[in-house]
Amino acid sequence: MKLITFDGGRVGRLELEEGVVIELDVPSTREWFERAGDVRETGERLTLADVKLEAPIRPKKFFHTAGNFADHHNELTAVDWSHPVHKGIVFFQNVDAIIGPDDDIVYPEGLTKELDYELELGIIIGKAGKFFGPDEADDYIAGFTVFNDITARDIQRKEMESGVFSFSKGIDTFCPIGPYIVTRDEVPDMHELPMQLRVNGEVRQQGNTNQTRIKFPHLVAYHSPQIYSAGDIITTGTISGVAAVQPNPFDFYLKPGDEIEAEITGIGTLRNKVISWEDRYGEPAPQRVDW
């Protein structure tokens, strides 16, 4: 099943090949998971072309993983971080920064000059739970979505002087997810999903979920002491090819006008455009308030 949120918070099941949206009688996809999918249809059917897709879910918590893909972990050693990025790192993403498919990423020029992309798989937690092991974790994995972890590298570099990072990834509009949630039953092997991110049609990142250092049930179990709620998201970390590791990163950093396609085979393609602050708000970007 492909679950969507559309037109101001309505929930539906998407029949992609037919281009049909079947509305479901539930106030949110998060509640759909809380009810374990025991939800009726409203009887209304719409054409996909006539609806506006939104971020497919607004989780209660958004767990963010770093350094899990082997190739990306290796390339991080070439970046002049003050601290290493260990595979056990997790931090909370800002759920208020979530945007959906075809929503604009607003470039806050007063905050950053080094805007980067990171394609990741988002795992949807299907039920509440805590303190469980890898052998039980599979029962908690209920679906998947595409996540593009937009990052201000110059801010991250300063944060890393303390060995942590959060602000650099949690700025308004920096958390695109979508275009829908694919439920677990439609994904034969979550560890065999090709991944590719393109900017203006040019391939920037390419990989596969089979390249992770930690398998997803182990990852989900590892962070379970932080307490999962139904509909929470935990990300898997990104694949290789981010701008920050290139010989000249400024040839690759995002800029206003760039169009990004973040694709995971079987999960969907998430499209977003980068726009300037002035294009969104009609005035120059505010300057950063620093310490």
C-alpha atoms as a PDB file:
ATOM      1  CA  MET A   1       0.000   0.000   0.000  1.00  0.00           C
ATOM      2  CA  LYS A   2       1.074   3.559  -0.719  1.00  0.00           C
ATOM      3  CA  LEU A   3      -0.201   5.941   1.951  1.00  0.00           C
ATOM      4  CA  ILE A   4      -0.421   9.650   1.195  1.00  0.00           C
ATOM      5  CA  THR A   5      -1.407  12.881   2.886  1.00  0.00           C
ATOM      6  CA  PHE A   6      -3.014  15.415   0.565  1.00  0.00           C
ATOM      7  CA  ASP A   7      -5.096  18.595   0.289  1.00  0.00           C
ATOM      8  CA  GLY A   8      -4.791  19.966   3.799  1.00  0.00           C
ATOM      9  CA  GLY A   9      -4.270  16.784   5.801  1.00  0.00           C
ATOM     10  CA  ARG A  10      -6.599  14.277   4.156  1.00  0.00           C
ATOM     11  CA  VAL A  11      -5.303  10.696   4.098  1.00  0.00           C
ATOM     12  CA  GLY A  12      -5.512   8.313   1.196  1.00  0.00           C
ATOM     13  CA  ARG A  13      -4.357   5.109  -0.398  1.00  0.00           C
ATOM     14  CA  LEU A  14      -2.662   5.736  -3.719  1.00  0.00           C
ATOM     15  CA  GLU A  15      -3.196   3.390  -6.651  1.00  0.00           C
ATOM     16  CA  LEU A  16      -0.189   4.716  -8.544  1.00  0.00           C
ATOM     17  CA  GLU A  17      -0.533   2.855 -11.818  1.00  0.00           C
ATOM     18  CA  GLU A  18      -4.167   3.930 -12.174  1.00  0.00           C
ATOM     19  CA  GLY A  19      -3.470   7.449 -10.882  1.00  0.00           C
ATOM     20  CA  VAL A  20      -6.298   7.118  -8.348  1.00  0.00           C
ATOM     21  CA  VAL A  21      -6.477   8.301  -4.730  1.00  0.00           C
ATOM     22  CA  ILE A  22      -8.868   6.449  -2.395  1.00  0.00           C
ATOM     23  CA  GLU A  23      -9.626   8.577   0.639  1.00  0.00           C
ATOM     24  CA  LEU A  24      -9.395   6.897   4.053  1.00  0.00           C
ATOM     25  CA  ASP A  25     -11.476   7.770   7.103  1.00  0.00           C
ATOM     26  CA  VAL A  26      -8.645   8.697   9.465  1.00  0.00           C
ATOM     27  CA  PRO A  27      -7.297  12.124  10.474  1.00  0.00           C
ATOM     28  CA  SER A  28      -3.607  11.351   9.854  1.00  0.00           C
ATOM     29  CA  THR A  29      -1.271   8.644   8.607  1.00  0.00           C
ATOM     30  CA  ARG A  30       0.241   8.575  12.070  1.00  0.00           C
ATOM     31  CA  GLU A  31      -3.162   7.534  13.442  1.00  0.00           C
ATOM     32  CA  TRP A  32      -3.424   4.979  10.616  1.00  0.00           C
ATOM     33  CA  PHE A  33      -0.381   3.274  12.142  1.00  0.00           C
ATOM     34  CA  GLU A  34      -1.725   3.705  15.674  1.00  0.00           C
ATOM     35  CA  ARG A  35      -4.824   1.793  14.529  1.00  0.00           C
ATOM     36  CA  ALA A  36      -2.660  -0.836  12.811  1.00  0.00           C
ATOM     37  CA  GLY A  37      -4.323   0.024   9.512  1.00  0.00           C
ATOM     38  CA  ASP A  38      -7.820  -0.821  10.721  1.00  0.00           C
ATOM     39  CA  VAL A  39      -9.354   2.116   8.840  1.00  0.00           C
ATOM     40  CA  ARG A  40     -12.353   2.339   6.505  1.00  0.00           C
ATOM     41  CA  GLU A  41     -12.574   4.123   3.178  1.00  0.00           C
ATOM     42  CA  THR A  42     -14.749   7.232   2.958  1.00  0.00           C
ATOM     43  CA  GLY A  43     -16.036   6.205  -0.445  1.00  0.00           C
ATOM     44  CA  GLU A  44     -14.457   9.158  -2.215  1.00  0.00           C
ATOM     45  CA  ARG A  45     -12.089   8.559  -5.113  1.00  0.00           C
ATOM     46  CA  LEU A  46     -10.001  11.275  -6.705  1.00  0.00           C
ATOM     47  CA  THR A  47      -7.559  11.606  -9.565  1.00  0.00           C
ATOM     48  CA  LEU A  48      -3.930  11.903  -8.500  1.00  0.00           C
ATOM     49  CA  ALA A  49      -3.391  14.794 -10.912  1.00  0.00           C
ATOM     50  CA  ASP A  50      -6.116  16.758  -9.110  1.00  0.00           C
ATOM     51  CA  VAL A  51      -4.683  16.545  -5.575  1.00  0.00           C
ATOM     52  CA  LYS A  52      -1.716  18.230  -3.880  1.00  0.00           C
ATOM     53  CA  LEU A  53       0.528  15.727  -2.114  1.00  0.00           C
ATOM     54  CA  GLU A  54       1.922  16.814   1.242  1.00  0.00           C
ATOM     55  CA  ALA A  55       4.513  15.322   3.565  1.00  0.00           C
ATOM     56  CA  PRO A  56       3.121  11.800   4.049  1.00  0.00           C
ATOM     57  CA  ILE A  57       3.442  11.822   7.845  1.00  0.00           C
ATOM     58  CA  ARG A  58       4.119  14.129  10.786  1.00  0.00           C
ATOM     59  CA  PRO A  59       5.834  11.831  13.260  1.00  0.00           C
ATOM     60  CA  LYS A  60       5.888  12.384  16.986  1.00  0.00           C
ATOM     61  CA  LYS A  61       9.642  11.711  16.918  1.00  0.00           C
ATOM     62  CA  PHE A  62      12.177  11.655  14.083  1.00  0.00           C
ATOM     63  CA  PHE A  63      15.347   9.691  14.857  1.00  0.00           C
ATOM     64  CA  HIS A  64      18.250  10.569  12.580  1.00  0.00           C
ATOM     65  CA  THR A  65      21.176   8.184  11.988  1.00  0.00           C
ATOM     66  CA  ALA A  66      24.675   9.118  10.802  1.00  0.00           C
ATOM     67  CA  GLY A  67      27.592   7.205   9.315  1.00  0.00           C
ATOM     68  CA  ASN A  68      25.825   3.910   8.573  1.00  0.00           C
ATOM     69  CA  PHE A  69      26.670   3.417   4.874  1.00  0.00           C
ATOM     70  CA  ALA A  70      30.169   2.030   4.397  1.00  0.00           C
ATOM     71  CA  ASP A  71      31.187   4.159   1.398  1.00  0.00           C
ATOM     72  CA  HIS A  72      29.903   7.353   2.999  1.00  0.00           C
ATOM     73  CA  HIS A  73      31.663   6.502   6.260  1.00  0.00           C
ATOM     74  CA  ASN A  74      34.929   6.061   4.361  1.00  0.00           C
ATOM     75  CA  GLU A  75      34.593   9.333   2.458  1.00  0.00           C
ATOM     76  CA  LEU A  76      33.879  11.226   5.686  1.00  0.00           C
ATOM     77  CA  THR A  77      37.464  10.539   6.746  1.00  0.00           C
ATOM     78  CA  ALA A  78      38.540  12.956   3.982  1.00  0.00           C
ATOM     79  CA  VAL A  79      36.516  15.798   5.521  1.00  0.00           C
ATOM     80  CA  ASP A  80      38.259  18.003   8.052  1.00  0.00           C
ATOM     81  CA  TRP A  81      35.855  17.329  10.918  1.00  0.00           C
ATOM     82  CA  SER A  82      37.135  17.973  14.403  1.00  0.00           C
ATOM     83  CA  HIS A  83      35.512  14.714  15.609  1.00  0.00           C
ATOM     84  CA  PRO A  84      34.862  11.405  13.843  1.00  0.00           C
ATOM     85  CA  VAL A  85      31.300  10.486  12.829  1.00  0.00           C
ATOM     86  CA  HIS A  86      30.691   7.157  14.549  1.00  0.00           C
ATOM     87  CA  LYS A  87      28.059   4.701  13.350  1.00  0.00           C
ATOM     88  CA  GLY A  88      26.160   4.834  16.659  1.00  0.00           C
ATOM     89  CA  ILE A  89      25.301   8.531  16.378  1.00  0.00           C
ATOM     90  CA  VAL A  90      21.625   9.415  16.424  1.00  0.00           C
ATOM     91  CA  PHE A  91      19.942  12.756  16.973  1.00  0.00           C
ATOM     92  CA  PHE A  92      16.432  14.128  16.763  1.00  0.00           C
ATOM     93  CA  GLN A  93      15.402  15.852  13.569  1.00  0.00           C
ATOM     94  CA  ASN A  94      13.167  18.940  13.806  1.00  0.00           C
ATOM     95  CA  VAL A  95       9.682  17.744  12.834  1.00  0.00           C
ATOM     96  CA  ASP A  96       8.601  21.345  12.203  1.00  0.00           C
ATOM     97  CA  ALA A  97      11.175  21.513   9.382  1.00  0.00           C
ATOM     98  CA  ILE A  98       9.372  18.758   7.441  1.00  0.00           C
ATOM     99  CA  ILE A  99       8.197  19.570   3.921  1.00  0.00           C
ATOM    100  CA  GLY A 100       6.651  17.323   1.298  1.00  0.00           C
ATOM    101  CA  PRO A 101       7.024  16.468  -2.380  1.00  0.00           C
ATOM    102  CA  ASP A 102       7.334  19.484  -4.701  1.00  0.00           C
ATOM    103  CA  ASP A 103       7.614  21.850  -1.728  1.00  0.00           C
ATOM    104  CA  ASP A 104      10.447  24.379  -1.925  1.00  0.00           C
ATOM    105  CA  ILE A 105      13.634  24.246   0.124  1.00  0.00           C
ATOM    106  CA  VAL A 106      14.239  27.865   1.150  1.00  0.00           C
ATOM    107  CA  TYR A 107      17.923  28.824   1.044  1.00  0.00           C
ATOM    108  CA  PRO A 108      18.668  31.000   4.121  1.00  0.00           C
ATOM    109  CA  GLU A 109      21.613  32.892   2.619  1.00  0.00           C
ATOM    110  CA  GLY A 110      22.212  34.761   5.870  1.00  0.00           C
ATOM    111  CA  LEU A 111      22.879  31.471   7.673  1.00  0.00           C
ATOM    112  CA  THR A 112      24.852  29.315   5.247  1.00  0.00           C
ATOM    113  CA  LYS A 113      26.870  29.287   2.043  1.00  0.00           C
ATOM    114  CA  GLU A 114      27.338  25.503   1.972  1.00  0.00           C
ATOM    115  CA  LEU A 115      23.980  23.820   1.400  1.00  0.00           C
ATOM    116  CA  ASP A 116      24.267  20.066   0.883  1.00  0.00           C
ATOM    117  CA  TYR A 117      22.020  17.071   0.112  1.00  0.00           C
ATOM    118  CA  GLU A 118      21.894  13.580   1.647  1.00  0.00           C
ATOM    119  CA  LEU A 119      19.608  10.847   0.302  1.00  0.00           C
ATOM    120  CA  GLU A 120      18.358   8.496   3.016  1.00  0.00           C
ATOM    121  CA  LEU A 121      15.734   5.828   3.524  1.00  0.00           C
ATOM    122  CA  GLY A 122      13.198   6.650   6.226  1.00  0.00           C
ATOM    123  CA  ILE A 123      11.846   3.699   8.217  1.00  0.00           C
ATOM    124  CA  ILE A 124       8.327   4.111   9.608  1.00  0.00           C
ATOM    125  CA  ILE A 125       7.807   2.557  13.048  1.00  0.00           C
ATOM    126  CA  GLY A 126       4.453   0.782  13.119  1.00  0.00           C
ATOM    127  CA  LYS A 127       3.741   0.468  16.830  1.00  0.00           C
ATOM    128  CA  ALA A 128       4.833   1.714  20.224  1.00  0.00           C
ATOM    129  CA  GLY A 129       7.708  -0.100  21.871  1.00  0.00           C
ATOM    130  CA  LYS A 130      10.967   0.139  23.807  1.00  0.00           C
ATOM    131  CA  PHE A 131      13.891  -2.016  24.927  1.00  0.00           C
ATOM    132  CA  PHE A 132      13.632  -4.777  22.351  1.00  0.00           C
ATOM    133  CA  GLY A 133      16.266  -6.744  20.448  1.00  0.00           C
ATOM    134  CA  PRO A 134      17.056  -7.189  16.738  1.00  0.00           C
ATOM    135  CA  ASP A 135      15.058 -10.426  16.592  1.00  0.00           C
ATOM    136  CA  GLU A 136      11.925  -8.488  17.610  1.00  0.00           C
ATOM    137  CA  ALA A 137      12.640  -5.306  15.657  1.00  0.00           C
ATOM    138  CA  ASP A 138      11.295  -6.586  12.365  1.00  0.00           C
ATOM    139  CA  ASP A 139       7.784  -6.486  13.819  1.00  0.00           C
ATOM    140  CA  TYR A 140       8.138  -2.729  14.393  1.00  0.00           C
ATOM    141  CA  ILE A 141       9.145  -1.846  10.817  1.00  0.00           C
ATOM    142  CA  ALA A 142       5.890  -0.947   9.082  1.00  0.00           C
ATOM    143  CA  GLY A 143       6.857   1.117   6.047  1.00  0.00           C
ATOM    144  CA  PHE A 144       9.348   3.317   4.251  1.00  0.00           C
ATOM    145  CA  THR A 145       9.658   6.762   2.712  1.00  0.00           C
ATOM    146  CA  VAL A 146      12.347   8.855   1.011  1.00  0.00           C
ATOM    147  CA  PHE A 147      14.209  11.472   3.052  1.00  0.00           C
ATOM    148  CA  ASN A 148      16.591  14.162   1.797  1.00  0.00           C
ATOM    149  CA  ASP A 149      18.707  15.381   4.706  1.00  0.00           C
ATOM    150  CA  ILE A 150      19.466  18.982   3.719  1.00  0.00           C
ATOM    151  CA  THR A 151      22.514  20.202   5.658  1.00  0.00           C
ATOM    152  CA  ALA A 152      24.312  23.505   6.161  1.00  0.00           C
ATOM    153  CA  ARG A 153      27.895  22.246   6.171  1.00  0.00           C
ATOM    154  CA  ASP A 154      29.501  25.459   7.434  1.00  0.00           C
ATOM    155  CA  ILE A 155      27.198  25.387  10.474  1.00  0.00           C
ATOM    156  CA  GLN A 156      27.811  21.657  10.913  1.00  0.00           C
ATOM    157  CA  ARG A 157      31.571  22.185  10.845  1.00  0.00           C
ATOM    158  CA  LYS A 158      31.282  24.600  13.767  1.00  0.00           C
ATOM    159  CA  GLU A 159      28.931  22.271  15.646  1.00  0.00           C
ATOM    160  CA  MET A 160      31.360  19.384  15.171  1.00  0.00           C
ATOM    161  CA  GLU A 161      33.919  21.211  17.307  1.00  0.00           C
ATOM    162  CA  SER A 162      31.820  19.869  20.161  1.00  0.00           C
ATOM    163  CA  GLY A 163      31.276  16.513  18.473  1.00  0.00           C
ATOM    164  CA  VAL A 164      27.559  17.036  17.890  1.00  0.00           C
ATOM    165  CA  PHE A 165      25.363  18.360  15.094  1.00  0.00           C
ATOM    166  CA  SER A 166      21.704  19.279  14.956  1.00  0.00           C
ATOM    167  CA  PHE A 167      21.136  22.958  14.104  1.00  0.00           C
ATOM    168  CA  SER A 168      22.776  22.466  10.697  1.00  0.00           C
ATOM    169  CA  LYS A 169      20.117  19.911   9.719  1.00  0.00           C
ATOM    170  CA  GLY A 170      17.003  21.215  11.473  1.00  0.00           C
ATOM    171  CA  ILE A 171      16.510  24.608   9.793  1.00  0.00           C
ATOM    172  CA  ASP A 172      13.119  25.456   8.322  1.00  0.00           C
ATOM    173  CA  THR A 173      12.349  23.428   5.126  1.00  0.00           C
ATOM    174  CA  PHE A 174      15.520  21.303   5.533  1.00  0.00           C
ATOM    175  CA  CYS A 175      13.571  18.042   6.023  1.00  0.00           C
ATOM    176  CA  PRO A 176      11.868  16.918   2.790  1.00  0.00           C
ATOM    177  CA  ILE A 177      10.119  13.526   2.982  1.00  0.00           C
ATOM    178  CA  GLY A 178       7.801  11.655   0.633  1.00  0.00           C
ATOM    179  CA  PRO A 179       6.231  11.396  -1.800  1.00  0.00           C
ATOM    180  CA  TYR A 180       4.314   8.670   0.075  1.00  0.00           C
ATOM    181  CA  ILE A 181       4.784   5.846   2.551  1.00  0.00           C
ATOM    182  CA  VAL A 182       5.214   2.372   1.081  1.00  0.00           C
ATOM    183  CA  THR A 183       4.034  -0.241   3.561  1.00  0.00           C
ATOM    184  CA  ARG A 184       6.311  -3.098   4.454  1.00  0.00           C
ATOM    185  CA  ASP A 185       4.350  -5.744   2.558  1.00  0.00           C
ATOM    186  CA  GLU A 186       5.249  -4.049  -0.763  1.00  0.00           C
ATOM    187  CA  VAL A 187       9.012  -4.179  -0.118  1.00  0.00           C
ATOM    188  CA  PRO A 188      10.387  -7.713  -0.642  1.00  0.00           C
ATOM    189  CA  ASP A 189      13.896  -6.885   0.610  1.00  0.00           C
ATOM    190  CA  MET A 190      14.594  -3.610   2.431  1.00  0.00           C
ATOM    191  CA  HIS A 191      18.333  -4.342   2.212  1.00  0.00           C
ATOM    192  CA  GLU A 192      18.346  -4.439  -1.588  1.00  0.00           C
ATOM    193  CA  LEU A 193      17.022  -1.042  -2.707  1.00  0.00           C
ATOM    194  CA  PRO A 194      18.940   1.017  -5.318  1.00  0.00           C
ATOM    195  CA  MET A 195      19.287   4.693  -4.362  1.00  0.00           C
ATOM    196  CA  GLN A 196      20.101   7.713  -6.519  1.00  0.00           C
ATOM    197  CA  LEU A 197      20.038  11.488  -6.019  1.00  0.00           C
ATOM    198  CA  ARG A 198      20.134  13.894  -8.971  1.00  0.00           C
ATOM    199  CA  VAL A 199      20.551  17.661  -9.097  1.00  0.00           C
ATOM    200  CA  ASN A 200      19.301  19.255 -12.323  1.00  0.00           C
ATOM    201  CA  GLY A 201      19.351  15.776 -13.867  1.00  0.00           C
ATOM    202  CA  GLU A 202      23.005  15.119 -12.941  1.00  0.00           C
ATOM    203  CA  VAL A 203      23.646  12.078 -10.747  1.00  0.00           C
ATOM    204  CA  ARG A 204      25.293  13.166  -7.497  1.00  0.00           C
ATOM    205  CA  GLN A 205      24.710  10.153  -5.235  1.00  0.00           C
ATOM    206  CA  GLN A 206      24.295   6.502  -6.117  1.00  0.00           C
ATOM    207  CA  GLY A 207      24.215   3.450  -3.893  1.00  0.00           C
ATOM    208  CA  ASN A 208      22.138   0.659  -2.456  1.00  0.00           C
ATOM    209  CA  THR A 209      20.726  -0.231   0.947  1.00  0.00           C
ATOM    210  CA  ASN A 210      22.884  -3.368   0.847  1.00  0.00           C
ATOM    211  CA  GLN A 211      25.876  -1.125   1.660  1.00  0.00           C
ATOM    212  CA  THR A 212      24.905  -0.409   5.269  1.00  0.00           C
ATOM    213  CA  ARG A 213      27.244  -1.295   8.081  1.00  0.00           C
ATOM    214  CA  ILE A 214      24.322  -2.034  10.406  1.00  0.00           C
ATOM    215  CA  LYS A 215      21.207  -3.850   9.191  1.00  0.00           C
ATOM    216  CA  PHE A 216      17.915  -2.062   9.729  1.00  0.00           C
ATOM    217  CA  PRO A 217      16.374  -4.345  12.400  1.00  0.00           C
ATOM    218  CA  HIS A 218      19.567  -3.966  14.450  1.00  0.00           C
ATOM    219  CA  LEU A 219      19.464  -0.190  13.949  1.00  0.00           C
ATOM    220  CA  VAL A 220      15.827  -0.007  15.048  1.00  0.00           C
ATOM    221  CA  ALA A 221      16.518  -2.174  18.103  1.00  0.00           C
ATOM    222  CA  TYR A 222      19.622  -0.203  19.065  1.00  0.00           C
ATOM    223  CA  HIS A 223      17.637   3.015  19.480  1.00  0.00           C
ATOM    224  CA  SER A 224      14.535   1.426  21.037  1.00  0.00           C
ATOM    225  CA  PRO A 225      15.436   2.557  24.597  1.00  0.00           C
ATOM    226  CA  GLN A 226      14.555   6.075  23.404  1.00  0.00           C
ATOM    227  CA  ILE A 227      10.910   4.894  23.143  1.00  0.00           C
ATOM    228  CA  TYR A 228       9.084   4.530  19.851  1.00  0.00           C
ATOM    229  CA  SER A 229       5.559   5.676  19.106  1.00  0.00           C
ATOM    230  CA  ALA A 230       3.532   4.445  16.138  1.00  0.00           C
ATOM    231  CA  GLY A 231       4.387   6.592  13.123  1.00  0.00           C
ATOM    232  CA  ASP A 232       7.854   7.615  14.293  1.00  0.00           C
ATOM    233  CA  ILE A 233      10.612   7.779  11.681  1.00  0.00           C
ATOM    234  CA  ILE A 234      14.176   6.542  11.971  1.00  0.00           C
ATOM    235  CA  THR A 235      16.544   7.208   9.078  1.00  0.00           C
ATOM    236  CA  THR A 236      19.281   4.924   7.830  1.00  0.00           C
ATOM    237  CA  GLY A 237      22.113   7.381   7.085  1.00  0.00           C
ATOM    238  CA  THR A 238      23.123   8.549   3.629  1.00  0.00           C
ATOM    239  CA  ILE A 239      25.030   7.000   0.744  1.00  0.00           C
ATOM    240  CA  SER A 240      28.266   8.341  -0.735  1.00  0.00           C
ATOM    241  CA  GLY A 241      28.567  11.363  -3.005  1.00  0.00           C
ATOM    242  CA  VAL A 242      27.553  14.348  -0.880  1.00  0.00           C
ATOM    243  CA  ALA A 243      28.920  17.730  -1.945  1.00  0.00           C
ATOM    244  CA  ALA A 244      31.081  18.226   1.149  1.00  0.00           C
ATOM    245  CA  VAL A 245      33.474  15.396   0.213  1.00  0.00           C
ATOM    246  CA  GLN A 246      34.118  16.523  -3.374  1.00  0.00           C
ATOM    247  CA  PRO A 247      37.528  18.002  -4.358  1.00  0.00           C
ATOM    248  CA  ASN A 248      35.823  21.362  -4.848  1.00  0.00           C
ATOM    249  CA  PRO A 249      32.590  21.233  -2.812  1.00  0.00           C
ATOM    250  CA  PHE A 250      31.452  24.661  -4.013  1.00  0.00           C
ATOM    251  CA  ASP A 251      30.959  23.177  -7.471  1.00  0.00           C
ATOM    252  CA  PHE A 252      28.376  20.848  -5.917  1.00  0.00           C
ATOM    253  CA  TYR A 253      26.674  22.731  -3.077  1.00  0.00           C
ATOM    254  CA  LEU A 254      23.037  23.523  -3.732  1.00  0.00           C
ATOM    255  CA  LYS A 255      21.951  26.977  -4.874  1.00  0.00           C
ATOM    256  CA  PRO A 256      18.632  28.670  -5.675  1.00  0.00           C
ATOM    257  CA  GLY A 257      17.125  27.272  -8.860  1.00  0.00           C
ATOM    258  CA  ASP A 258      18.469  23.743  -8.349  1.00  0.00           C
ATOM    259  CA  GLU A 259      15.983  20.929  -8.754  1.00  0.00           C
ATOM    260  CA  ILE A 260      16.606  17.785  -6.691  1.00  0.00           C
ATOM    261  CA  GLU A 261      15.301  14.289  -7.365  1.00  0.00           C
ATOM    262  CA  ALA A 262      15.886  11.843  -4.516  1.00  0.00           C
ATOM    263  CA  GLU A 263      14.943   8.339  -5.630  1.00  0.00           C
ATOM    264  CA  ILE A 264      14.836   4.951  -3.939  1.00  0.00           C
ATOM    265  CA  THR A 265      13.652   2.133  -6.183  1.00  0.00           C
ATOM    266  CA  GLY A 266      10.338   0.775  -4.969  1.00  0.00           C
ATOM    267  CA  ILE A 267       9.898   3.614  -2.468  1.00  0.00           C
ATOM    268  CA  GLY A 268       9.480   6.602  -4.774  1.00  0.00           C
ATOM    269  CA  THR A 269      11.055   9.775  -6.105  1.00  0.00           C
ATOM    270  CA  LEU A 270      11.016  12.890  -3.926  1.00  0.00           C
ATOM    271  CA  ARG A 271      11.326  16.127  -5.906  1.00  0.00           C
ATOM    272  CA  ASN A 272      12.089  19.542  -4.419  1.00  0.00           C
ATOM    273  CA  LYS A 273      13.408  22.832  -5.736  1.00  0.00           C
ATOM    274  CA  VAL A 274      15.772  25.201  -3.944  1.00  0.00           C
ATOM    275  CA  ILE A 275      14.598  28.818  -3.924  1.00  0.00           C
ATOM    276  CA  SER A 276      16.095  31.965  -2.457  1.00  0.00           C
ATOM    277  CA  TRP A 277      14.809  33.560   0.704  1.00  0.00           C
ATOM    278  CA  GLU A 278      13.795  36.633  -1.276  1.00  0.00           C
ATOM    279  CA  ASP A 279      11.791  34.548  -3.746  1.00  0.00           C
ATOM    280  CA  ARG A 280       9.809  33.090  -0.856  1.00  0.00           C
ATOM    281  CA  TYR A 281       9.446  36.124   1.382  1.00  0.00           C
ATOM    282  CA  GLY A 282      10.056  39.137  -0.870  1.00  0.00           C
ATOM    283  CA  GLU A 283      12.872  40.520   1.256  1.00  0.00           C
ATOM    284  CA  PRO A 284      16.574  39.819   1.913  1.00  0.00           C
ATOM    285  CA  ALA A 285      17.414  36.867   4.121  1.00  0.00           C
ATOM    286  CA  PRO A 286      17.953  37.679   7.800  1.00  0.00           C
ATOM    287  CA  GLN A 287      21.467  37.414   9.127  1.00  0.00           C
ATOM    288  CA  ARG A 288      22.361  34.712  11.582  1.00  0.00           C
ATOM    289  CA  VAL A 289      22.161  35.583  15.273  1.00  0.00           C
ATOM    290  CA  ASP A 290      25.453  34.224  16.575  1.00  0.00           C
ATOM    291  CA  TRP A 291      26.882  33.592  20.015  1.00  0.00           C
END
